Amino acid sequence: TGPRGGGDWYDALPLPDAALGLAVGSVTGSGPGAVAAMGRLRASLRAYAVMEGEDPVAVLSDLELLLRLTEPARSATALFAYCEPALRRITVAGAGHCPPLVLGERRTEYVETTVSAPLGMLACWEAPSVEFQVGAGETVLLYTDGLLHRTGDPADR
C-alpha cells in the first residue's frame, strides 16, 4: 500500500453454525481518506456477516448501501465467502473483485464468479452468488489487485 496507506483489506471471522466468513476488498484511492473508508467498510462487513453471512449477496448489498451513503464519491471492490468447513463448501459473491483461485494437486483454476460492478458504481448493485466445493488438500486464495500490480519496489512489500 505504500507510505501513504491504501484501501486494501482482508478479514476472516467465525460465524454461527461453525461457519467461517472470509472477505477481501479494495477501496479506491490512497491516503488517510481511503484508509478511513476501508476501516468503515471492513468493520461494517463484520457486522453484516454475523447477521446474514450465509447469503454473501445480502452482505455485499448492505456494504454497497453503506458506501453510497457514507462515501458517495468512492467505489470499492469486494468479495465475501461463506465457508462451511464440515461440508467443504464455499458460497461466494463478488463486486468487481478478483476471482478466488483454487490450488491443488489435481487442479489450479479460478472460480468462475459473475462479472459485476464494484460497489458504489451503480444505483442498485446486484450479482448472484456462486457455490463450489473444495477438495481435500486444496487451498483457496483470495487476493486484491495489489498482488497483481506489484512492481517489485521495496516500498510495495
Protein backbone atom coordinates (compact mmCIF):
# COMPACT_ATOMS: atom_id res chain seq x y z
CA THR A 1 0.00 0.00 0.00
CA GLY A 2 2.97 2.33 0.23
CA PRO A 3 3.85 5.06 2.71
CA ARG A 4 0.55 6.99 2.33
CA GLY A 5 -1.62 3.98 3.10
CA GLY A 6 -4.16 2.31 0.91
CA GLY A 7 -7.58 0.82 0.90
CA ASP A 8 -6.96 -2.93 0.56
CA TRP A 9 -8.27 -5.17 3.32
CA TYR A 10 -8.96 -8.76 4.26
CA ASP A 11 -10.75 -10.41 7.14
CA ALA A 12 -11.68 -13.82 8.50
CA LEU A 13 -14.32 -14.28 11.15
CA PRO A 14 -16.14 -17.13 12.86
CA LEU A 15 -19.86 -17.27 12.12
CA PRO A 16 -22.77 -19.20 13.66
CA ASP A 17 -23.11 -22.95 12.98
CA ALA A 18 -19.32 -23.48 12.76
CA ALA A 19 -19.12 -21.47 9.53
CA LEU A 20 -16.36 -19.05 8.58
CA GLY A 21 -16.63 -15.73 6.76
CA LEU A 22 -13.78 -14.61 4.51
CA ALA A 23 -13.63 -11.15 2.99
CA VAL A 24 -11.24 -9.22 0.82
CA GLY A 25 -11.64 -5.85 -0.81
CA SER A 26 -10.11 -2.67 -2.08
CA VAL A 27 -11.31 0.93 -1.75
CA THR A 28 -10.32 3.40 -4.47
CA GLY A 29 -7.68 5.97 -3.70
CA SER A 30 -4.87 6.19 -1.20
CA GLY A 31 -4.01 8.18 1.87
CA PRO A 32 -6.00 8.87 5.03
CA GLY A 33 -9.39 9.08 3.29
CA ALA A 34 -9.01 5.66 1.67
CA VAL A 35 -7.72 4.14 4.90
CA ALA A 36 -10.70 5.56 6.85
CA ALA A 37 -13.20 4.34 4.23
CA MET A 38 -11.58 0.90 4.24
CA GLY A 39 -11.82 0.74 8.02
CA ARG A 40 -15.52 1.60 7.98
CA LEU A 41 -16.30 -0.97 5.28
CA ARG A 42 -14.26 -3.71 6.94
CA ALA A 43 -15.85 -3.15 10.36
CA SER A 44 -19.35 -2.95 8.88
CA LEU A 45 -18.83 -6.08 6.81
CA ARG A 46 -18.11 -7.98 10.04
CA ALA A 47 -21.49 -6.94 11.45
CA TYR A 48 -23.36 -7.71 8.21
CA ALA A 49 -21.65 -11.12 8.01
CA VAL A 50 -22.77 -12.10 11.50
CA MET A 51 -26.36 -11.13 10.68
CA GLU A 52 -26.64 -12.60 7.16
CA GLY A 53 -23.36 -14.33 6.35
CA GLU A 54 -24.98 -17.38 4.77
CA ASP A 55 -26.10 -15.02 1.99
CA PRO A 56 -22.97 -13.33 0.57
CA VAL A 57 -25.08 -11.26 -1.85
CA ALA A 58 -27.01 -9.72 1.07
CA VAL A 59 -23.75 -8.94 2.88
CA LEU A 60 -22.34 -7.12 -0.15
CA SER A 61 -25.67 -5.37 -0.85
CA ASP A 62 -25.61 -3.94 2.68
CA LEU A 63 -22.00 -2.88 2.21
CA GLU A 64 -22.89 -1.19 -1.08
CA LEU A 65 -25.65 0.84 0.56
CA LEU A 66 -23.28 1.93 3.33
CA LEU A 67 -20.65 3.02 0.79
CA ARG A 68 -23.18 5.03 -1.23
CA LEU A 69 -24.43 6.80 1.91
CA THR A 70 -21.08 7.50 3.57
CA GLU A 71 -18.64 7.80 0.64
CA PRO A 72 -20.69 8.77 -2.45
CA ALA A 73 -17.60 9.74 -4.47
CA ARG A 74 -15.76 6.49 -3.77
CA SER A 75 -16.06 2.94 -5.08
CA ALA A 76 -14.73 -0.37 -3.82
CA THR A 77 -14.31 -3.92 -4.95
CA ALA A 78 -15.16 -6.69 -2.51
CA LEU A 79 -15.58 -10.42 -2.26
CA PHE A 80 -17.31 -12.25 0.58
CA ALA A 81 -17.17 -16.02 1.05
CA TYR A 82 -19.36 -18.05 3.40
CA CYS A 83 -17.41 -21.21 4.20
CA GLU A 84 -18.85 -24.41 5.63
CA PRO A 85 -15.72 -26.41 6.53
CA ALA A 86 -17.58 -29.59 7.54
CA LEU A 87 -19.20 -29.73 4.10
CA ARG A 88 -16.10 -28.43 2.25
CA ARG A 89 -18.44 -25.92 0.61
CA ILE A 90 -17.94 -22.20 -0.11
CA THR A 91 -20.57 -19.74 -1.32
CA VAL A 92 -19.08 -16.55 -2.69
CA ALA A 93 -20.26 -13.24 -4.13
CA GLY A 94 -18.05 -10.59 -5.64
CA ALA A 95 -18.38 -6.95 -6.58
CA GLY A 96 -15.86 -6.17 -9.29
CA HIS A 97 -13.22 -8.13 -7.40
CA CYS A 98 -10.58 -10.65 -8.49
CA PRO A 99 -11.98 -14.22 -8.53
CA PRO A 100 -10.84 -16.79 -5.95
CA LEU A 101 -8.12 -19.17 -7.08
CA VAL A 102 -8.26 -22.86 -6.11
CA LEU A 103 -4.89 -24.61 -5.94
CA GLY A 104 -4.39 -28.35 -5.53
CA GLU A 105 -2.66 -31.42 -6.92
CA ARG A 106 -5.45 -32.05 -9.42
CA ARG A 107 -6.46 -28.51 -10.30
CA THR A 108 -5.37 -24.92 -10.37
CA GLU A 109 -8.26 -22.77 -11.51
CA TYR A 110 -10.14 -19.58 -10.93
CA VAL A 111 -13.64 -19.90 -9.52
CA GLU A 112 -16.00 -18.58 -12.17
CA THR A 113 -17.75 -15.73 -10.43
CA THR A 114 -20.13 -13.48 -12.27
CA VAL A 115 -18.88 -10.20 -13.64
CA SER A 116 -20.41 -7.47 -11.51
CA ALA A 117 -19.75 -3.80 -10.95
CA PRO A 118 -17.71 -2.57 -8.00
CA LEU A 119 -19.66 -1.25 -5.04
CA GLY A 120 -20.69 2.37 -5.40
CA MET A 121 -20.72 2.35 -9.21
CA LEU A 122 -24.42 1.65 -9.83
CA ALA A 123 -27.61 2.96 -8.24
CA CYS A 124 -28.54 -0.63 -7.36
CA TRP A 125 -25.78 -3.24 -7.07
CA GLU A 126 -26.74 -6.82 -7.76
CA ALA A 127 -24.98 -10.10 -8.51
CA PRO A 128 -25.68 -13.77 -7.90
CA SER A 129 -23.60 -15.93 -5.61
CA VAL A 130 -21.59 -18.95 -6.73
CA GLU A 131 -21.18 -22.16 -4.75
CA PHE A 132 -18.22 -24.50 -5.10
CA GLN A 133 -16.62 -27.46 -3.35
CA VAL A 134 -13.06 -27.59 -2.08
CA GLY A 135 -11.30 -30.93 -2.24
CA ALA A 136 -9.04 -32.41 0.41
CA GLY A 137 -5.62 -30.75 0.28
CA GLU A 138 -6.81 -27.84 -1.86
CA THR A 139 -6.15 -24.20 -0.99
CA VAL A 140 -8.41 -21.27 -1.83
CA LEU A 141 -6.61 -17.98 -2.42
CA LEU A 142 -8.42 -14.64 -2.03
CA TYR A 143 -6.38 -11.58 -3.04
CA THR A 144 -6.62 -7.97 -4.18
CA ASP A 145 -5.39 -6.44 -7.40
CA GLY A 146 -2.48 -5.06 -5.37
CA LEU A 147 -0.90 -8.50 -5.69
CA LEU A 148 -1.27 -8.34 -9.46
CA HIS A 149 0.14 -4.80 -9.72
CA ARG A 150 3.22 -5.26 -7.53
CA THR A 151 6.19 -3.54 -9.09
CA GLY A 152 8.96 -5.19 -7.09
CA ASP A 153 9.74 -1.84 -5.46
CA PRO A 154 10.72 -2.39 -1.80
CA ALA A 155 8.01 0.13 -0.78
CA ASP A 156 5.38 -2.29 -2.17
CA ARG A 157 6.37 -5.12 0.15
